[in-house]
Amino acid sequence: MLRCGVLAVGSLSMGGRAAVAQGGVAQAFTPRSVDVQAISLLGDTLRVLPLAPATRARYEAQLADARRAYERAPAELDSIIWYGRRLAYLGRLREAIEVYTDGLRRFPENPWLLRHRGHRYISVREFDLAVHDLARAAQLVAGTPDVVEPDGQPNAAGVPTGTLHSNIGYHLALAYYLRGDWAKAAAVAQEEVTAATNDDRRVSMAHWLYMSLRRAGRDADAARVIAPMGRHMRIVENQAYHRLMLFYKGELPADSVLTVGPDGQMSTSDASAAYGVANWHLYNGRRDEAMDLFERIVAGGQWGAFGAIAAETDLARLRTSARR
């Protein structure tokens, strides 16, 4: 069941749309229908995204298995996590958040639940709540051994590239970035680049670190981030981030990174790559080019992609500044 509350309008700093209620339980959104997941920072209604029939069938089957496991063992941590993850893959983000919230009532200091709920708060544009959960998760895992996080949808190699610590760090850096807190985003991202144990994690974190530093005007520091990135890197799934690293270094042209379908639609990785190019225009003083590409990303049909969320936040900021 979805938890209803009052939708509060976010600030111009893009801090999110809700305050943290008692115990970290959100009271942030009143859905007008079951498929409505959020209101964008531009005022658009965000509904459950359509999926290809074969993909939807696979995800529905996975959800049915996860639901049965959850119903058999609703107090088991693994059952809670996977039920929430499977709901989220189908775009049922509000239900996933409620599952994690129920789990946190049983396990109030569990970093896995906080990591996953924080991720989904980013998806529904509640960045303050995301920071609250993810920063707490980071505190809880500090000084503990890291563990591999299994993929819900495995990559082509069938090799997970993320860990609990790195996924907390990635999403926390992203949440700070989306709030426009470049210094905190850069600090978390730098820690994760330093701790990275594979090139997929290295390029994904270096991407957000580089952009945070550029937005903060720390160009020399940003240049040092991309210096070691090269074609030799072994990338399993983060090809878009890798291409962006090479683009920032001047080793690839923009048109080799920016890919958009003939109908203007983008995949999740397309949105990520397009955002990197749009942001490059912005911090290099080409505001009109950046605005145009931000608008194309937002219209590209992938509102759940991190690149699309970032484009939306920047577009909202730029439109607000233009009206002043």
Protein backbone atom coordinates (compact mmCIF):
# COMPACT_ATOMS: atom_id res chain seq x y z
CA MET A 1 0.00 0.00 0.00
CA LEU A 2 1.29 3.47 -0.85
CA ARG A 3 1.84 5.90 1.98
CA CYS A 4 0.09 9.20 1.33
CA GLY A 5 1.16 12.60 2.53
CA VAL A 6 1.50 16.19 1.43
CA LEU A 7 3.63 17.10 -1.56
CA ALA A 8 5.88 20.01 -0.65
CA VAL A 9 7.46 22.13 -3.34
CA GLY A 10 11.27 21.87 -3.50
CA SER A 11 13.53 24.88 -3.12
CA LEU A 12 15.52 26.51 -5.88
CA SER A 13 18.57 24.62 -4.63
CA MET A 14 16.82 21.44 -5.76
CA GLY A 15 17.01 20.07 -2.25
CA GLY A 16 14.02 17.78 -2.76
CA ARG A 17 10.35 17.73 -1.98
CA ALA A 18 10.02 16.60 1.59
CA ALA A 19 11.39 16.91 5.06
CA VAL A 20 12.45 13.84 7.00
CA ALA A 21 9.67 12.82 9.34
CA GLN A 22 10.06 11.04 12.68
CA GLY A 23 12.29 7.98 12.26
CA GLY A 24 13.20 8.92 8.69
CA VAL A 25 9.77 7.94 7.31
CA ALA A 26 8.70 10.18 4.45
CA GLN A 27 5.35 11.90 4.25
CA ALA A 28 5.97 13.44 0.90
CA PHE A 29 3.63 12.58 -1.91
CA THR A 30 -0.02 12.03 -2.67
CA PRO A 31 -0.40 9.91 -5.84
CA ARG A 32 -3.31 10.87 -8.05
CA SER A 33 -3.37 7.39 -9.57
CA VAL A 34 -1.46 4.17 -9.00
CA ASP A 35 0.90 4.74 -11.93
CA VAL A 36 1.96 8.26 -10.88
CA GLN A 37 5.33 8.11 -9.16
CA ALA A 38 6.42 11.73 -8.78
CA ILE A 39 6.16 15.30 -10.02
CA SER A 40 9.28 16.44 -11.81
CA LEU A 41 11.17 19.60 -10.89
CA LEU A 42 9.64 21.08 -14.04
CA GLY A 43 6.12 20.26 -12.90
CA ASP A 44 5.57 17.23 -15.12
CA THR A 45 3.71 14.15 -13.91
CA LEU A 46 6.04 11.15 -13.90
CA ARG A 47 4.26 7.87 -14.49
CA VAL A 48 5.45 4.27 -14.52
CA LEU A 49 7.63 3.94 -17.60
CA PRO A 50 6.53 1.56 -20.36
CA LEU A 51 8.67 -1.51 -20.95
CA ALA A 52 9.10 -3.77 -23.95
CA PRO A 53 6.69 -6.73 -23.66
CA ALA A 54 9.45 -9.32 -23.23
CA THR A 55 11.21 -7.22 -20.61
CA ARG A 56 7.99 -6.60 -18.71
CA ALA A 57 7.16 -10.31 -18.74
CA ARG A 58 10.60 -11.17 -17.33
CA TYR A 59 10.39 -8.48 -14.65
CA GLU A 60 6.86 -9.53 -13.68
CA ALA A 61 7.99 -13.14 -13.28
CA GLN A 62 10.91 -12.01 -11.11
CA LEU A 63 8.56 -9.87 -9.03
CA ALA A 64 6.16 -12.79 -8.53
CA ASP A 65 9.02 -14.90 -7.18
CA ALA A 66 10.17 -12.08 -4.90
CA ARG A 67 6.64 -11.47 -3.64
CA ARG A 68 6.20 -15.13 -2.75
CA ALA A 69 9.50 -15.09 -0.86
CA TYR A 70 8.47 -11.93 0.95
CA GLU A 71 5.08 -13.36 1.89
CA ARG A 72 6.76 -16.50 3.27
CA ALA A 73 9.32 -14.53 5.27
CA PRO A 74 8.29 -10.86 5.64
CA ALA A 75 10.76 -10.34 8.49
CA GLU A 76 13.75 -11.68 6.55
CA LEU A 77 16.07 -8.92 5.36
CA ASP A 78 16.90 -10.53 2.02
CA SER A 79 13.21 -10.99 1.19
CA ILE A 80 12.48 -7.32 1.95
CA ILE A 81 15.36 -6.06 -0.17
CA TRP A 82 14.57 -8.16 -3.21
CA TYR A 83 10.86 -7.46 -3.10
CA GLY A 84 11.62 -3.74 -3.13
CA ARG A 85 14.19 -4.09 -5.89
CA ARG A 86 11.85 -6.07 -8.14
CA LEU A 87 9.07 -3.51 -7.67
CA ALA A 88 11.47 -0.73 -8.58
CA TYR A 89 12.64 -2.44 -11.78
CA LEU A 90 9.02 -2.32 -12.94
CA GLY A 91 8.88 1.39 -12.17
CA ARG A 92 6.72 0.93 -9.07
CA LEU A 93 8.98 3.20 -7.06
CA ARG A 94 6.50 4.34 -4.43
CA GLU A 95 5.66 0.76 -3.55
CA ALA A 96 9.37 -0.06 -3.37
CA ILE A 97 9.96 2.86 -1.01
CA GLU A 98 7.12 1.65 1.19
CA VAL A 99 8.59 -1.88 1.31
CA TYR A 100 11.98 -0.46 2.37
CA THR A 101 10.30 1.81 4.92
CA ASP A 102 8.45 -1.14 6.43
CA GLY A 103 11.75 -3.00 6.52
CA LEU A 104 13.42 -0.11 8.33
CA ARG A 105 10.79 -0.30 11.04
CA ARG A 106 12.13 -3.80 11.73
CA PHE A 107 15.79 -3.01 10.99
CA PRO A 108 16.15 0.75 11.64
CA GLU A 109 19.94 0.77 11.31
CA ASN A 110 20.35 -1.50 8.29
CA PRO A 111 22.63 0.03 5.63
CA TRP A 112 21.25 -2.15 2.81
CA LEU A 113 17.72 -0.86 3.30
CA LEU A 114 18.92 2.72 3.65
CA ARG A 115 21.06 2.36 0.50
CA HIS A 116 18.13 1.09 -1.58
CA ARG A 117 15.56 3.52 -0.22
CA GLY A 118 18.01 6.37 -0.74
CA HIS A 119 18.46 5.31 -4.36
CA ARG A 120 14.73 5.38 -4.96
CA TYR A 121 14.30 8.72 -3.25
CA ILE A 122 16.66 10.05 -5.92
CA SER A 123 14.43 8.51 -8.58
CA VAL A 124 11.35 10.32 -7.27
CA ARG A 125 13.20 13.65 -6.87
CA GLU A 126 13.30 13.70 -3.06
CA PHE A 127 16.97 14.51 -2.76
CA ASP A 128 17.00 15.60 0.89
CA LEU A 129 15.51 12.27 1.91
CA ALA A 130 18.05 10.49 -0.28
CA VAL A 131 20.95 12.29 1.41
CA HIS A 132 19.48 11.49 4.83
CA ASP A 133 19.34 7.75 4.09
CA LEU A 134 22.59 7.45 2.20
CA ALA A 135 24.66 9.53 4.60
CA ARG A 136 23.39 7.38 7.46
CA ALA A 137 24.20 4.22 5.50
CA ALA A 138 27.74 5.54 4.91
CA GLN A 139 28.17 6.11 8.64
CA LEU A 140 26.96 2.60 9.42
CA VAL A 141 29.38 0.86 7.03
CA ALA A 142 32.42 3.00 7.83
CA GLY A 143 35.26 0.76 8.95
CA THR A 144 33.44 -2.47 8.11
CA PRO A 145 34.47 -5.04 5.47
CA ASP A 146 32.92 -4.37 2.06
CA VAL A 147 30.79 -6.99 0.29
CA VAL A 148 29.76 -7.50 -3.32
CA GLU A 149 26.20 -6.45 -4.10
CA PRO A 150 24.50 -8.91 -6.47
CA ASP A 151 23.01 -7.42 -9.62
CA GLY A 152 19.26 -7.53 -10.07
CA GLN A 153 19.74 -7.57 -13.83
CA PRO A 154 23.21 -9.05 -14.44
CA ASN A 155 25.53 -7.52 -17.03
CA ALA A 156 26.68 -9.39 -20.13
CA ALA A 157 29.69 -10.82 -18.32
CA GLY A 158 27.62 -11.96 -15.36
CA VAL A 159 30.13 -10.28 -13.05
CA PRO A 160 28.85 -7.81 -10.43
CA THR A 161 30.91 -4.61 -10.45
CA GLY A 162 29.39 -2.93 -7.41
CA THR A 163 29.66 -3.39 -3.67
CA LEU A 164 27.61 -2.19 -0.73
CA HIS A 165 30.12 0.55 0.12
CA SER A 166 30.61 1.70 -3.46
CA ASN A 167 26.89 1.83 -4.21
CA ILE A 168 26.24 3.86 -1.09
CA GLY A 169 29.02 6.24 -2.10
CA TYR A 170 27.88 6.49 -5.71
CA HIS A 171 24.31 7.38 -4.82
CA LEU A 172 25.32 9.74 -2.01
CA ALA A 173 27.66 11.67 -4.33
CA LEU A 174 24.88 11.80 -6.91
CA ALA A 175 22.33 13.06 -4.36
CA TYR A 176 24.68 15.85 -3.28
CA TYR A 177 25.35 16.69 -6.93
CA LEU A 178 21.64 16.93 -7.71
CA ARG A 179 21.21 19.33 -4.79
CA GLY A 180 23.94 21.49 -6.30
CA ASP A 181 26.33 20.80 -3.43
CA TRP A 182 29.41 20.40 -5.59
CA ALA A 183 31.90 20.32 -2.70
CA LYS A 184 30.20 17.47 -0.85
CA ALA A 185 29.58 15.57 -4.10
CA ALA A 186 33.26 15.88 -5.01
CA ALA A 187 34.44 14.80 -1.56
CA VAL A 188 32.37 11.60 -1.60
CA ALA A 189 33.19 10.84 -5.24
CA GLN A 190 36.92 11.28 -4.58
CA GLU A 191 36.77 8.75 -1.76
CA GLU A 192 35.08 6.27 -4.09
CA VAL A 193 37.55 6.82 -6.94
CA THR A 194 40.39 6.17 -4.51
CA ALA A 195 38.71 3.02 -3.17
CA ALA A 196 37.64 1.63 -6.57
CA THR A 197 38.75 -1.95 -7.22
CA ASN A 198 37.69 -2.19 -10.88
CA ASP A 199 37.57 0.11 -13.88
CA ASP A 200 33.77 0.19 -14.06
CA ARG A 201 33.57 1.73 -10.60
CA ARG A 202 36.55 3.95 -11.36
CA VAL A 203 35.03 5.58 -14.45
CA SER A 204 31.53 5.92 -13.01
CA MET A 205 32.79 7.77 -9.93
CA ALA A 206 35.41 9.74 -11.85
CA HIS A 207 32.63 11.02 -14.11
CA TRP A 208 30.63 12.56 -11.26
CA LEU A 209 33.82 13.75 -9.55
CA TYR A 210 35.01 15.49 -12.71
CA MET A 211 31.65 17.18 -13.28
CA SER A 212 31.37 18.27 -9.62
CA LEU A 213 34.82 19.82 -9.78
CA ARG A 214 34.10 21.58 -13.07
CA ARG A 215 30.84 22.98 -11.73
CA ALA A 216 32.73 24.18 -8.66
CA GLY A 217 35.28 25.95 -10.89
CA ARG A 218 38.11 23.65 -9.80
CA ASP A 219 39.35 23.01 -13.33
CA ALA A 220 42.91 22.02 -12.43
CA ASP A 221 41.67 19.42 -9.95
CA ALA A 222 39.24 18.12 -12.58
CA ALA A 223 42.04 17.73 -15.12
CA ARG A 224 43.96 15.54 -12.69
CA VAL A 225 40.93 13.24 -12.35
CA ILE A 226 40.77 12.38 -16.05
CA ALA A 227 44.53 12.20 -16.66
CA PRO A 228 44.85 8.45 -15.89
CA MET A 229 41.70 7.46 -17.81
CA GLY A 230 42.44 5.76 -21.12
CA ARG A 231 41.39 3.31 -23.80
CA HIS A 232 43.25 0.51 -22.02
CA MET A 233 40.66 0.31 -19.24
CA ARG A 234 38.65 -2.91 -18.89
CA ILE A 235 34.99 -1.90 -18.87
CA VAL A 236 32.21 -4.42 -18.39
CA GLU A 237 29.10 -2.24 -18.21
CA ASN A 238 29.90 1.47 -17.84
CA GLN A 239 30.83 2.13 -21.46
CA ALA A 240 29.00 5.47 -21.54
CA TYR A 241 31.00 6.80 -18.60
CA HIS A 242 34.22 5.52 -20.16
CA ARG A 243 33.48 7.26 -23.46
CA LEU A 244 32.76 10.46 -21.56
CA MET A 245 36.15 10.26 -19.85
CA LEU A 246 37.83 10.00 -23.25
CA PHE A 247 35.66 12.83 -24.57
CA TYR A 248 36.64 15.11 -21.69
CA LYS A 249 40.29 14.37 -22.50
CA GLY A 250 39.74 15.30 -26.15
CA GLU A 251 40.32 11.76 -27.40
CA LEU A 252 36.76 11.31 -28.71
CA PRO A 253 34.48 13.79 -30.51
CA ALA A 254 31.11 14.72 -29.05
CA ASP A 255 29.17 12.96 -31.82
CA SER A 256 30.78 9.64 -30.89
CA VAL A 257 29.42 9.96 -27.35
CA LEU A 258 26.01 11.50 -27.99
CA THR A 259 23.56 8.95 -29.39
CA VAL A 260 19.85 9.58 -29.81
CA GLY A 261 17.29 7.47 -31.66
CA PRO A 262 15.64 8.82 -34.84
CA ASP A 263 12.45 9.46 -32.85
CA GLY A 264 14.32 11.43 -30.19
CA GLN A 265 14.08 8.60 -27.66
CA MET A 266 17.05 7.70 -25.51
CA SER A 267 18.14 4.64 -23.58
CA THR A 268 19.33 5.00 -20.00
CA SER A 269 22.98 4.99 -21.09
CA ASP A 270 22.15 7.47 -23.90
CA ALA A 271 20.75 9.87 -21.30
CA SER A 272 23.88 9.54 -19.17
CA ALA A 273 26.16 10.23 -22.12
CA ALA A 274 24.02 13.13 -23.35
CA TYR A 275 24.06 14.71 -19.91
CA GLY A 276 27.84 14.61 -19.82
CA VAL A 277 27.98 16.42 -23.18
CA ALA A 278 25.33 18.96 -22.14
CA ASN A 279 27.14 19.69 -18.89
CA TRP A 280 30.40 20.10 -20.82
CA HIS A 281 28.70 22.81 -22.88
CA LEU A 282 27.41 24.49 -19.71
CA TYR A 283 30.67 24.74 -17.79
CA ASN A 284 32.46 25.84 -20.95
CA GLY A 285 30.12 28.81 -21.28
CA ARG A 286 27.80 27.52 -24.03
CA ARG A 287 24.55 27.97 -22.14
CA ASP A 288 22.23 27.80 -25.16
CA GLU A 289 23.73 24.53 -26.39
CA ALA A 290 23.46 23.11 -22.89
CA MET A 291 19.82 24.21 -22.54
CA ASP A 292 18.92 22.64 -25.86
CA LEU A 293 20.48 19.33 -24.95
CA PHE A 294 19.01 19.32 -21.42
CA GLU A 295 15.58 19.75 -23.01
CA ARG A 296 16.21 16.90 -25.45
CA ILE A 297 17.28 14.62 -22.60
CA VAL A 298 14.17 15.44 -20.55
CA ALA A 299 12.03 14.74 -23.62
CA GLY A 300 13.91 11.52 -24.35
CA GLY A 301 11.58 9.18 -22.48
CA GLN A 302 13.91 8.05 -19.66
CA TRP A 303 12.86 10.11 -16.65
CA GLY A 304 14.27 7.50 -14.25
CA ALA A 305 17.82 7.67 -15.69
CA PHE A 306 20.31 9.58 -13.58
CA GLY A 307 21.37 11.60 -16.62
CA ALA A 308 17.74 12.63 -17.17
CA ILE A 309 17.30 13.57 -13.49
CA ALA A 310 20.46 15.68 -13.62
CA ALA A 311 19.33 17.36 -16.86
CA GLU A 312 15.97 18.12 -15.26
CA THR A 313 17.56 19.74 -12.20
CA ASP A 314 19.88 21.88 -14.31
CA LEU A 315 17.10 22.88 -16.66
CA ALA A 316 14.93 23.91 -13.71
CA ARG A 317 17.77 26.00 -12.29
CA LEU A 318 18.51 27.67 -15.62
CA ARG A 319 14.85 28.48 -16.26
CA THR A 320 14.55 29.95 -12.78
CA SER A 321 17.65 32.12 -13.21
CA ALA A 322 16.39 33.32 -16.61
CA ARG A 323 13.17 34.59 -15.01
CA ARG A 324 15.00 36.70 -12.41
